[in-house]
């Protein structure tokens, strides 16, 4: 009978430790999420400031950034249309190229 009471006490302390560990892990997870959100906001803010500063410097140098943006959009659209036609016309080749690129990216990222 005493052994059963001792085992029950052990199980209660294990359950207590488990609950404490879960609580601490949950608190650490919440803190990490808050920090990640703050870092994301800071990076976004600094990137926007850098882009604004860069655009201002380009305009001061006489470069029209609006024209550059339109040209980039046109080129991206043309590239997208070209890639779509290549995939339609040569699907096996496109699959092979995609597989090769995936392999290269996988090898580079594993280092």
PDB file of N, CA and C in Angstrom:
ATOM      1  N   UNK A   1       0.820  -1.182   0.000  1.00  0.00           N
ATOM      2  CA  UNK A   1       0.000   0.000   0.000  1.00  0.00           C
ATOM      3  C   UNK A   1       0.871   1.256   0.000  1.00  0.00           C
ATOM      4  N   UNK A   2       1.936   1.244   0.782  1.00  0.00           N
ATOM      5  CA  UNK A   2       2.839   2.381   0.850  1.00  0.00           C
ATOM      6  C   UNK A   2       3.552   2.581  -0.484  1.00  0.00           C
ATOM      7  N   UNK A   3       3.840   1.477  -1.155  1.00  0.00           N
ATOM      8  CA  UNK A   3       4.507   1.563  -2.462  1.00  0.00           C
ATOM      9  C   UNK A   3       3.595   2.232  -3.488  1.00  0.00           C
ATOM     10  N   UNK A   4       2.288   1.922  -3.414  1.00  0.00           N
ATOM     11  CA  UNK A   4       1.338   2.540  -4.358  1.00  0.00           C
ATOM     12  C   UNK A   4       1.227   4.035  -4.107  1.00  0.00           C
ATOM     13  N   UNK A   5       1.231   4.442  -2.840  1.00  0.00           N
ATOM     14  CA  UNK A   5       1.153   5.861  -2.518  1.00  0.00           C
ATOM     15  C   UNK A   5       2.421   6.572  -2.986  1.00  0.00           C
ATOM     16  N   UNK A   6       3.549   5.902  -2.837  1.00  0.00           N
ATOM     17  CA  UNK A   6       4.820   6.481  -3.277  1.00  0.00           C
ATOM     18  C   UNK A   6       4.810   6.661  -4.801  1.00  0.00           C
ATOM     19  N   UNK A   7       4.298   5.636  -5.529  1.00  0.00           N
ATOM     20  CA  UNK A   7       4.219   5.728  -6.987  1.00  0.00           C
ATOM     21  C   UNK A   7       3.284   6.852  -7.417  1.00  0.00           C
ATOM     22  N   UNK A   8       2.172   7.002  -6.701  1.00  0.00           N
ATOM     23  CA  UNK A   8       1.235   8.083  -7.036  1.00  0.00           C
ATOM     24  C   UNK A   8       1.906   9.439  -6.843  1.00  0.00           C
ATOM     25  N   UNK A   9       2.705   9.560  -5.798  1.00  0.00           N
ATOM     26  CA  UNK A   9       3.430  10.811  -5.552  1.00  0.00           C
ATOM     27  C   UNK A   9       4.434  11.100  -6.660  1.00  0.00           C
ATOM     28  N   UNK A  10       5.090  10.064  -7.128  1.00  0.00           N
ATOM     29  CA  UNK A  10       6.053  10.224  -8.223  1.00  0.00           C
ATOM     30  C   UNK A  10       5.328  10.668  -9.491  1.00  0.00           C
ATOM     31  N   UNK A  11       4.176  10.023  -9.771  1.00  0.00           N
ATOM     32  CA  UNK A  11       3.420  10.392 -10.968  1.00  0.00           C
ATOM     33  C   UNK A  11       2.926  11.826 -10.883  1.00  0.00           C
ATOM     34  N   UNK A  12       2.501  12.258  -9.703  1.00  0.00           N
ATOM     35  CA  UNK A  12       2.032  13.636  -9.538  1.00  0.00           C
ATOM     36  C   UNK A  12       3.179  14.614  -9.761  1.00  0.00           C
ATOM     37  N   UNK A  13       4.384  14.280  -9.250  1.00  0.00           N
ATOM     38  CA  UNK A  13       5.509  15.194  -9.442  1.00  0.00           C
ATOM     39  C   UNK A  13       5.951  15.200 -10.907  1.00  0.00           C
ATOM     40  N   UNK A  14       5.863  14.050 -11.588  1.00  0.00           N
ATOM     41  CA  UNK A  14       6.198  14.001 -13.012  1.00  0.00           C
ATOM     42  C   UNK A  14       5.200  14.825 -13.812  1.00  0.00           C
ATOM     43  N   UNK A  15       3.909  14.697 -13.466  1.00  0.00           N
ATOM     44  CA  UNK A  15       2.891  15.496 -14.145  1.00  0.00           C
ATOM     45  C   UNK A  15       3.127  16.983 -13.904  1.00  0.00           C
ATOM     46  N   UNK A  16       3.503  17.323 -12.694  1.00  0.00           N
ATOM     47  CA  UNK A  16       3.794  18.727 -12.382  1.00  0.00           C
ATOM     48  C   UNK A  16       4.972  19.243 -13.186  1.00  0.00           C
ATOM     49  N   UNK A  17       6.009  18.433 -13.283  1.00  0.00           N
ATOM     50  CA  UNK A  17       7.177  18.824 -14.076  1.00  0.00           C
ATOM     51  C   UNK A  17       6.824  18.964 -15.552  1.00  0.00           C
ATOM     52  N   UNK A  18       5.987  18.044 -16.020  1.00  0.00           N
ATOM     53  CA  UNK A  18       5.561  18.105 -17.424  1.00  0.00           C
ATOM     54  C   UNK A  18       4.799  19.397 -17.687  1.00  0.00           C
ATOM     55  N   UNK A  19       3.865  19.735 -16.803  1.00  0.00           N
ATOM     56  CA  UNK A  19       3.078  20.957 -16.966  1.00  0.00           C
ATOM     57  C   UNK A  19       3.973  22.195 -16.904  1.00  0.00           C
ATOM     58  N   UNK A  20       4.942  22.181 -16.004  1.00  0.00           N
ATOM     59  CA  UNK A  20       5.878  23.303 -15.896  1.00  0.00           C
ATOM     60  C   UNK A  20       6.698  23.442 -17.171  1.00  0.00           C
ATOM     61  N   UNK A  21       7.160  22.318 -17.702  1.00  0.00           N
ATOM     62  CA  UNK A  21       7.945  22.345 -18.942  1.00  0.00           C
ATOM     63  C   UNK A  21       7.104  22.866 -20.098  1.00  0.00           C
ATOM     64  N   UNK A  22       5.860  22.423 -20.174  1.00  0.00           N
ATOM     65  CA  UNK A  22       4.967  22.899 -21.231  1.00  0.00           C
ATOM     66  C   UNK A  22       4.742  24.397 -21.091  1.00  0.00           C
ATOM     67  N   UNK A  23       4.545  24.856 -19.867  1.00  0.00           N
ATOM     68  CA  UNK A  23       4.344  26.289 -19.632  1.00  0.00           C
ATOM     69  C   UNK A  23       5.556  27.101 -20.039  1.00  0.00           C
ATOM     70  N   UNK A  24       6.733  26.632 -19.668  1.00  0.00           N
ATOM     71  CA  UNK A  24       7.964  27.359 -20.025  1.00  0.00           C
ATOM     72  C   UNK A  24       8.190  27.355 -21.540  1.00  0.00           C
ATOM     73  N   UNK A  25       7.943  26.216 -22.166  1.00  0.00           N
ATOM     74  CA  UNK A  25       8.116  26.134 -23.620  1.00  0.00           C
ATOM     75  C   UNK A  25       7.130  27.062 -24.327  1.00  0.00           C
ATOM     76  N   UNK A  26       5.910  27.107 -23.834  1.00  0.00           N
ATOM     77  CA  UNK A  26       4.901  27.981 -24.421  1.00  0.00           C
ATOM     78  C   UNK A  26       5.299  29.449 -24.265  1.00  0.00           C
ATOM     79  N   UNK A  27       5.800  29.808 -23.086  1.00  0.00           N
ATOM     80  CA  UNK A  27       6.235  31.181 -22.855  1.00  0.00           C
ATOM     81  C   UNK A  27       7.420  31.539 -23.756  1.00  0.00           C
ATOM     82  N   UNK A  28       8.358  30.609 -23.904  1.00  0.00           N
ATOM     83  CA  UNK A  28       9.516  30.855 -24.769  1.00  0.00           C
ATOM     84  C   UNK A  28       9.080  31.005 -26.221  1.00  0.00           C
ATOM     85  N   UNK A  29       8.126  30.187 -26.644  1.00  0.00           N
ATOM     86  CA  UNK A  29       7.607  30.273 -28.011  1.00  0.00           C
ATOM     87  C   UNK A  29       6.930  31.622 -28.241  1.00  0.00           C
ATOM     88  N   UNK A  30       6.112  32.050 -27.285  1.00  0.00           N
ATOM     89  CA  UNK A  30       5.436  33.343 -27.414  1.00  0.00           C
ATOM     90  C   UNK A  30       6.440  34.488 -27.480  1.00  0.00           C
ATOM     91  N   UNK A  31       7.469  34.423 -26.642  1.00  0.00           N
ATOM     92  CA  UNK A  31       8.503  35.461 -26.644  1.00  0.00           C
ATOM     93  C   UNK A  31       9.250  35.473 -27.973  1.00  0.00           C
ATOM     94  N   UNK A  32       9.551  34.303 -28.504  1.00  0.00           N
ATOM     95  CA  UNK A  32      10.250  34.216 -29.791  1.00  0.00           C
ATOM     96  C   UNK A  32       9.385  34.782 -30.913  1.00  0.00           C
ATOM     97  N   UNK A  33       8.096  34.512 -30.860  1.00  0.00           N
ATOM     98  CA  UNK A  33       7.194  35.064 -31.884  1.00  0.00           C
ATOM     99  C   UNK A  33       7.154  36.584 -31.808  1.00  0.00           C
ATOM    100  N   UNK A  34       7.089  37.130 -30.601  1.00  0.00           N
ATOM    101  CA  UNK A  34       7.069  38.586 -30.451  1.00  0.00           C
ATOM    102  C   UNK A  34       8.362  39.198 -30.977  1.00  0.00           C
ATOM    103  N   UNK A  35       9.487  38.596 -30.626  1.00  0.00           N
ATOM    104  CA  UNK A  35      10.777  39.104 -31.092  1.00  0.00           C
ATOM    105  C   UNK A  35      10.891  39.024 -32.604  1.00  0.00           C
ATOM    106  N   UNK A  36      10.415  37.927 -33.187  1.00  0.00           N
ATOM    107  CA  UNK A  36      10.465  37.775 -34.647  1.00  0.00           C
ATOM    108  C   UNK A  36       9.603  38.839 -35.321  1.00  0.00           C
ATOM    109  N   UNK A  37       8.440  39.114 -34.759  1.00  0.00           N
ATOM    110  CA  UNK A  37       7.568  40.143 -35.337  1.00  0.00           C
ATOM    111  C   UNK A  37       8.218  41.514 -35.242  1.00  0.00           C
ATOM    112  N   UNK A  38       8.851  41.795 -34.111  1.00  0.00           N
ATOM    113  CA  UNK A  38       9.542  43.076 -33.955  1.00  0.00           C
ATOM    114  C   UNK A  38      10.698  43.193 -34.940  1.00  0.00           C
ATOM    115  N   UNK A  39      11.458  42.111 -35.103  1.00  0.00           N
ATOM    116  CA  UNK A  39      12.568  42.139 -36.057  1.00  0.00           C
ATOM    117  C   UNK A  39      12.074  42.329 -37.488  1.00  0.00           C
ATOM    118  N   UNK A  40      10.973  41.658 -37.819  1.00  0.00           N
ATOM    119  CA  UNK A  40      10.414  41.800 -39.158  1.00  0.00           C
ATOM    120  C   UNK A  40       9.990  43.247 -39.410  1.00  0.00           C
ATOM    121  N   UNK A  41       9.349  43.864 -38.432  1.00  0.00           N
ATOM    122  CA  UNK A  41       8.944  45.266 -38.575  1.00  0.00           C
ATOM    123  C   UNK A  41      10.156  46.165 -38.745  1.00  0.00           C
ATOM    124  N   UNK A  42      11.205  45.909 -37.961  1.00  0.00           N
ATOM    125  CA  UNK A  42      12.420  46.726 -38.045  1.00  0.00           C
ATOM    126  C   UNK A  42      13.103  46.568 -39.404  1.00  0.00           C
ATOM    127  N   UNK A  43      13.201  45.341 -39.885  1.00  0.00           N
ATOM    128  CA  UNK A  43      13.825  45.097 -41.198  1.00  0.00           C
ATOM    129  C   UNK A  43      13.006  45.756 -42.298  1.00  0.00           C
ATOM    130  N   UNK A  44      11.691  45.641 -42.221  1.00  0.00           N
ATOM    131  CA  UNK A  44      10.829  46.262 -43.223  1.00  0.00           C
ATOM    132  C   UNK A  44      10.990  47.769 -43.213  1.00  0.00           C
ATOM    133  N   UNK A  45      11.028  48.339 -42.016  1.00  0.00           N
ATOM    134  CA  UNK A  45      11.179  49.800 -41.900  1.00  0.00           C
ATOM    135  C   UNK A  45      12.519  50.254 -42.470  1.00  0.00           C
ATOM    136  N   UNK A  46      13.588  49.539 -42.111  1.00  0.00           N
ATOM    137  CA  UNK A  46      14.919  49.931 -42.602  1.00  0.00           C
ATOM    138  C   UNK A  46      15.045  49.731 -44.118  1.00  0.00           C
ATOM    139  N   UNK A  47      14.442  48.675 -44.636  1.00  0.00           N
ATOM    140  CA  UNK A  47      14.479  48.459 -46.084  1.00  0.00           C
ATOM    141  C   UNK A  47      13.739  49.563 -46.812  1.00  0.00           C
ATOM    142  N   UNK A  48      12.609  49.987 -46.274  1.00  0.00           N
ATOM    143  CA  UNK A  48      11.851  51.079 -46.886  1.00  0.00           C
ATOM    144  C   UNK A  48      12.657  52.378 -46.850  1.00  0.00           C
ATOM    145  N   UNK A  49      13.344  52.615 -45.735  1.00  0.00           N
ATOM    146  CA  UNK A  49      14.181  53.812 -45.636  1.00  0.00           C
ATOM    147  C   UNK A  49      15.330  53.755 -46.646  1.00  0.00           C
ATOM    148  N   UNK A  50      15.964  52.589 -46.761  1.00  0.00           N
ATOM    149  CA  UNK A  50      17.075  52.444 -47.701  1.00  0.00           C
ATOM    150  C   UNK A  50      16.597  52.629 -49.134  1.00  0.00           C
ATOM    151  N   UNK A  51      15.448  52.061 -49.462  1.00  0.00           N
ATOM    152  CA  UNK A  51      14.905  52.212 -50.813  1.00  0.00           C
ATOM    153  C   UNK A  51      14.574  53.661 -51.095  1.00  0.00           C
ATOM    154  N   UNK A  52      14.018  54.336 -50.119  1.00  0.00           N
ATOM    155  CA  UNK A  52      13.677  55.746 -50.288  1.00  0.00           C
ATOM    156  C   UNK A  52      14.930  56.590 -50.487  1.00  0.00           C
ATOM    157  N   UNK A  53      15.937  56.330 -49.695  1.00  0.00           N
ATOM    158  CA  UNK A  53      17.204  57.058 -49.816  1.00  0.00           C
ATOM    159  C   UNK A  53      17.851  56.790 -51.168  1.00  0.00           C
ATOM    160  N   UNK A  54      17.851  55.527 -51.584  1.00  0.00           N
ATOM    161  CA  UNK A  54      18.443  55.160 -52.870  1.00  0.00           C
ATOM    162  C   UNK A  54      17.701  55.827 -54.022  1.00  0.00           C
ATOM    163  N   UNK A  55      16.368  55.817 -53.963  1.00  0.00           N
ATOM    164  CA  UNK A  55      15.569  56.451 -55.015  1.00  0.00           C
ATOM    165  C   UNK A  55      15.834  57.952 -55.055  1.00  0.00           C
ATOM    166  N   UNK A  56      15.968  58.567 -53.889  1.00  0.00           N
ATOM    167  CA  UNK A  56      16.253  60.006 -53.842  1.00  0.00           C
ATOM    168  C   UNK A  56      17.622  60.308 -54.452  1.00  0.00           C
ATOM    169  N   UNK A  57      18.606  59.456 -54.166  1.00  0.00           N
ATOM    170  CA  UNK A  57      19.944  59.659 -54.737  1.00  0.00           C
ATOM    171  C   UNK A  57      19.927  59.478 -56.251  1.00  0.00           C
ATOM    172  N   UNK A  58      19.173  58.485 -56.735  1.00  0.00           N
ATOM    173  CA  UNK A  58      19.063  58.280 -58.180  1.00  0.00           C
ATOM    174  C   UNK A  58      18.390  59.470 -58.852  1.00  0.00           C
ATOM    175  N   UNK A  59      17.335  59.984 -58.230  1.00  0.00           N
ATOM    176  CA  UNK A  59      16.649  61.147 -58.806  1.00  0.00           C
ATOM    177  C   UNK A  59      17.555  62.361 -58.795  1.00  0.00           C
ATOM    178  N   UNK A  60      18.349  62.530 -57.733  1.00  0.00           N
ATOM    179  CA  UNK A  60      19.289  63.647 -57.656  1.00  0.00           C
ATOM    180  C   UNK A  60      20.354  63.534 -58.737  1.00  0.00           C
ATOM    181  N   UNK A  61      20.681  62.306 -59.122  1.00  0.00           N
ATOM    182  CA  UNK A  61      21.677  62.089 -60.172  1.00  0.00           C
ATOM    183  C   UNK A  61      21.066  62.197 -61.558  1.00  0.00           C
ATOM    184  N   UNK A  62      19.756  62.418 -61.636  1.00  0.00           N
ATOM    185  CA  UNK A  62      19.103  62.591 -62.919  1.00  0.00           C
ATOM    186  C   UNK A  62      18.498  61.322 -63.491  1.00  0.00           C
ATOM    187  N   UNK A  63      18.404  60.276 -62.700  1.00  0.00           N
ATOM    188  CA  UNK A  63      17.827  59.017 -63.164  1.00  0.00           C
ATOM    189  C   UNK A  63      16.353  59.014 -62.800  1.00  0.00           C
ATOM    190  N   UNK A  64      15.509  58.760 -63.790  1.00  0.00           N
ATOM    191  CA  UNK A  64      14.066  58.709 -63.547  1.00  0.00           C
ATOM    192  C   UNK A  64      13.690  57.291 -63.131  1.00  0.00           C
ATOM    193  N   UNK A  65      13.458  57.101 -61.838  1.00  0.00           N
ATOM    194  CA  UNK A  65      13.173  55.770 -61.317  1.00  0.00           C
ATOM    195  C   UNK A  65      11.823  55.247 -61.788  1.00  0.00           C
ATOM    196  N   UNK A  66      10.890  56.137 -62.064  1.00  0.00           N
ATOM    197  CA  UNK A  66       9.580  55.685 -62.546  1.00  0.00           C
ATOM    198  C   UNK A  66       9.715  55.006 -63.908  1.00  0.00           C
ATOM    199  N   UNK A  67      10.564  55.550 -64.767  1.00  0.00           N
ATOM    200  CA  UNK A  67      10.801  54.949 -66.080  1.00  0.00           C
ATOM    201  C   UNK A  67      11.485  53.595 -65.913  1.00  0.00           C
ATOM    202  N   UNK A  68      12.422  53.527 -64.964  1.00  0.00           N
ATOM    203  CA  UNK A  68      13.115  52.259 -64.722  1.00  0.00           C
ATOM    204  C   UNK A  68      12.145  51.188 -64.223  1.00  0.00           C
ATOM    205  N   UNK A  69      11.219  51.573 -63.371  1.00  0.00           N
ATOM    206  CA  UNK A  69      10.233  50.620 -62.854  1.00  0.00           C
ATOM    207  C   UNK A  69       9.352  50.106 -63.987  1.00  0.00           C
ATOM    208  N   UNK A  70       8.897  50.990 -64.845  1.00  0.00           N
ATOM    209  CA  UNK A  70       8.056  50.575 -65.972  1.00  0.00           C
ATOM    210  C   UNK A  70       8.812  49.654 -66.916  1.00  0.00           C
ATOM    211  N   UNK A  71      10.073  49.975 -67.184  1.00  0.00           N
ATOM    212  CA  UNK A  71      10.888  49.128 -68.058  1.00  0.00           C
ATOM    213  C   UNK A  71      11.085  47.748 -67.435  1.00  0.00           C
ATOM    214  N   UNK A  72      11.322  47.706 -66.136  1.00  0.00           N
ATOM    215  CA  UNK A  72      11.500  46.420 -65.454  1.00  0.00           C
ATOM    216  C   UNK A  72      10.212  45.599 -65.507  1.00  0.00           C
ATOM    217  N   UNK A  73       9.063  46.250 -65.327  1.00  0.00           N
ATOM    218  CA  UNK A  73       7.778  45.549 -65.408  1.00  0.00           C
ATOM    219  C   UNK A  73       7.563  44.975 -66.799  1.00  0.00           C
ATOM    220  N   UNK A  74       7.892  45.762 -67.829  1.00  0.00           N
ATOM    221  CA  UNK A  74       7.735  45.290 -69.205  1.00  0.00           C
ATOM    222  C   UNK A  74       8.629  44.079 -69.471  1.00  0.00           C
ATOM    223  N   UNK A  75       9.874  44.161 -69.008  1.00  0.00           N
ATOM    224  CA  UNK A  75      10.802  43.046 -69.214  1.00  0.00           C
ATOM    225  C   UNK A  75      10.359  41.806 -68.451  1.00  0.00           C
ATOM    226  N   UNK A  76       9.863  41.997 -67.246  1.00  0.00           N
ATOM    227  CA  UNK A  76       9.387  40.854 -66.464  1.00  0.00           C
ATOM    228  C   UNK A  76       8.180  40.206 -67.138  1.00  0.00           C
ATOM    229  N   UNK A  77       7.298  41.015 -67.695  1.00  0.00           N
ATOM    230  CA  UNK A  77       6.135  40.471 -68.401  1.00  0.00           C
ATOM    231  C   UNK A  77       6.554  39.696 -69.636  1.00  0.00           C
ATOM    232  N   UNK A  78       7.524  40.245 -70.381  1.00  0.00           N
ATOM    233  CA  UNK A  78       8.011  39.555 -71.577  1.00  0.00           C
ATOM    234  C   UNK A  78       8.684  38.235 -71.203  1.00  0.00           C
ATOM    235  N   UNK A  79       9.461  38.246 -70.145  1.00  0.00           N
ATOM    236  CA  UNK A  79      10.123  37.019 -69.689  1.00  0.00           C
ATOM    237  C   UNK A  79       9.087  35.980 -69.258  1.00  0.00           C
ATOM    238  N   UNK A  80       8.053  36.429 -68.579  1.00  0.00           N
ATOM    239  CA  UNK A  80       7.003  35.510 -68.137  1.00  0.00           C
ATOM    240  C   UNK A  80       6.296  34.878 -69.337  1.00  0.00           C
ATOM    241  N   UNK A  81       5.997  35.674 -70.334  1.00  0.00           N
ATOM    242  CA  UNK A  81       5.348  35.134 -71.536  1.00  0.00           C
ATOM    243  C   UNK A  81       6.270  34.146 -72.250  1.00  0.00           C
ATOM    244  N   UNK A  82       7.561  34.460 -72.343  1.00  0.00           N
ATOM    245  CA  UNK A  82       8.521  33.573 -72.989  1.00  0.00           C
ATOM    246  C   UNK A  82       8.612  32.240 -72.253  1.00  0.00           C
ATOM    247  N   UNK A  83       8.715  32.307 -70.920  1.00  0.00           N
ATOM    248  CA  UNK A  83       8.816  31.073 -70.137  1.00  0.00           C
ATOM    249  C   UNK A  83       7.555  30.229 -70.270  1.00  0.00           C
ATOM    250  N   UNK A  84       6.397  30.865 -70.283  1.00  0.00           N
ATOM    251  CA  UNK A  84       5.137  30.129 -70.432  1.00  0.00           C
ATOM    252  C   UNK A  84       5.086  29.424 -71.780  1.00  0.00           C
ATOM    253  N   UNK A  85       5.531  30.106 -72.833  1.00  0.00           N
ATOM    254  CA  UNK A  85       5.507  29.473 -74.159  1.00  0.00           C
ATOM    255  C   UNK A  85       6.516  28.332 -74.238  1.00  0.00           C
ATOM    256  N   UNK A  86       7.679  28.481 -73.614  1.00  0.00           N
ATOM    257  CA  UNK A  86       8.679  27.413 -73.616  1.00  0.00           C
ATOM    258  C   UNK A  86       8.159  26.180 -72.880  1.00  0.00           C
ATOM    259  N   UNK A  87       7.495  26.392 -71.762  1.00  0.00           N
ATOM    260  CA  UNK A  87       6.960  25.261 -70.994  1.00  0.00           C
ATOM    261  C   UNK A  87       5.871  24.557 -71.791  1.00  0.00           C
ATOM    262  N   UNK A  88       5.042  25.326 -72.505  1.00  0.00           N
ATOM    263  CA  UNK A  88       3.987  24.715 -73.323  1.00  0.00           C
ATOM    264  C   UNK A  88       4.572  23.935 -74.498  1.00  0.00           C
ATOM    265  N   UNK A  89       5.573  24.518 -75.140  1.00  0.00           N
ATOM    266  CA  UNK A  89       6.142  23.903 -76.334  1.00  0.00           C
ATOM    267  C   UNK A  89       7.081  22.739 -76.019  1.00  0.00           C
ATOM    268  N   UNK A  90       7.785  22.813 -74.909  1.00  0.00           N
ATOM    269  CA  UNK A  90       8.769  21.774 -74.555  1.00  0.00           C
ATOM    270  C   UNK A  90       8.638  21.399 -73.076  1.00  0.00           C
ATOM    271  N   UNK A  91       7.579  20.703 -72.717  1.00  0.00           N
ATOM    272  CA  UNK A  91       7.359  20.405 -71.295  1.00  0.00           C
ATOM    273  C   UNK A  91       8.420  19.496 -70.674  1.00  0.00           C
ATOM    274  N   UNK A  92       8.925  18.536 -71.424  1.00  0.00           N
ATOM    275  CA  UNK A  92       9.932  17.626 -70.872  1.00  0.00           C
ATOM    276  C   UNK A  92      11.226  18.376 -70.617  1.00  0.00           C
ATOM    277  N   UNK A  93      11.590  19.238 -71.536  1.00  0.00           N
ATOM    278  CA  UNK A  93      12.805  20.042 -71.369  1.00  0.00           C
ATOM    279  C   UNK A  93      12.656  20.957 -70.152  1.00  0.00           C
ATOM    280  N   UNK A  94      11.493  21.584 -70.001  1.00  0.00           N
ATOM    281  CA  UNK A  94      11.254  22.469 -68.861  1.00  0.00           C
ATOM    282  C   UNK A  94      11.342  21.698 -67.551  1.00  0.00           C
ATOM    283  N   UNK A  95      10.825  20.492 -67.535  1.00  0.00           N
ATOM    284  CA  UNK A  95      10.892  19.660 -66.343  1.00  0.00           C
ATOM    285  C   UNK A  95      12.346  19.310 -66.015  1.00  0.00           C
ATOM    286  N   UNK A  96      13.119  19.000 -67.034  1.00  0.00           N
ATOM    287  CA  UNK A  96      14.535  18.683 -66.832  1.00  0.00           C
ATOM    288  C   UNK A  96      15.317  19.868 -66.297  1.00  0.00           C
ATOM    289  N   UNK A  97      15.047  21.044 -66.847  1.00  0.00           N
ATOM    290  CA  UNK A  97      15.722  22.255 -66.373  1.00  0.00           C
ATOM    291  C   UNK A  97      15.332  22.534 -64.927  1.00  0.00           C
ATOM    292  N   UNK A  98      14.046  22.398 -64.608  1.00  0.00           N
ATOM    293  CA  UNK A  98      13.595  22.631 -63.233  1.00  0.00           C
ATOM    294  C   UNK A  98      14.234  21.644 -62.268  1.00  0.00           C
ATOM    295  N   UNK A  99      14.339  20.391 -62.672  1.00  0.00           N
ATOM    296  CA  UNK A  99      14.965  19.379 -61.820  1.00  0.00           C
ATOM    297  C   UNK A  99      16.444  19.683 -61.615  1.00  0.00           C
ATOM    298  N   UNK A 100      17.129  20.085 -62.663  1.00  0.00           N
ATOM    299  CA  UNK A 100      18.547  20.412 -62.554  1.00  0.00           C
ATOM    300  C   UNK A 100      18.754  21.622 -61.638  1.00  0.00           C
ATOM    301  N   UNK A 101      17.925  22.640 -61.794  1.00  0.00           N
ATOM    302  CA  UNK A 101      18.035  23.813 -60.926  1.00  0.00           C
ATOM    303  C   UNK A 101      17.747  23.446 -59.474  1.00  0.00           C
ATOM    304  N   UNK A 102      16.758  22.601 -59.260  1.00  0.00           N
ATOM    305  CA  UNK A 102      16.452  22.149 -57.906  1.00  0.00           C
ATOM    306  C   UNK A 102      17.610  21.396 -57.296  1.00  0.00           C
ATOM    307  N   UNK A 103      18.257  20.568 -58.076  1.00  0.00           N
ATOM    308  CA  UNK A 103      19.429  19.829 -57.603  1.00  0.00           C
ATOM    309  C   UNK A 103      20.567  20.776 -57.223  1.00  0.00           C
ATOM    310  N   UNK A 104      20.836  21.745 -58.088  1.00  0.00           N
ATOM    311  CA  UNK A 104      21.917  22.701 -57.810  1.00  0.00           C
ATOM    312  C   UNK A 104      21.608  23.521 -56.557  1.00  0.00           C
ATOM    313  N   UNK A 105      20.385  24.011 -56.447  1.00  0.00           N
ATOM    314  CA  UNK A 105      20.018  24.803 -55.272  1.00  0.00           C
ATOM    315  C   UNK A 105      20.101  23.932 -54.011  1.00  0.00           C
ATOM    316  N   UNK A 106      19.653  22.699 -54.112  1.00  0.00           N
ATOM    317  CA  UNK A 106      19.739  21.789 -52.972  1.00  0.00           C
ATOM    318  C   UNK A 106      21.174  21.524 -52.550  1.00  0.00           C
ATOM    319  N   UNK A 107      22.060  21.324 -53.514  1.00  0.00           N
ATOM    320  CA  UNK A 107      23.465  21.095 -53.188  1.00  0.00           C
ATOM    321  C   UNK A 107      24.087  22.327 -52.561  1.00  0.00           C
ATOM    322  N   UNK A 108      23.763  23.496 -53.107  1.00  0.00           N
ATOM    323  CA  UNK A 108      24.346  24.729 -52.551  1.00  0.00           C
ATOM    324  C   UNK A 108      23.811  25.031 -51.157  1.00  0.00           C
ATOM    325  N   UNK A 109      22.546  24.761 -50.924  1.00  0.00           N
ATOM    326  CA  UNK A 109      21.976  25.078 -49.615  1.00  0.00           C
ATOM    327  C   UNK A 109      22.368  24.075 -48.549  1.00  0.00           C
ATOM    328  N   UNK A 110      22.828  22.910 -48.942  1.00  0.00           N
ATOM    329  CA  UNK A 110      23.214  21.906 -47.948  1.00  0.00           C
ATOM    330  C   UNK A 110      24.622  22.165 -47.403  1.00  0.00           C
ATOM    331  N   UNK A 111      25.336  23.059 -48.011  1.00  0.00           N
ATOM    332  CA  UNK A 111      26.714  23.354 -47.550  1.00  0.00           C
ATOM    333  C   UNK A 111      26.729  24.287 -46.403  1.00  0.00           C
TER     334      UNK A 111
END
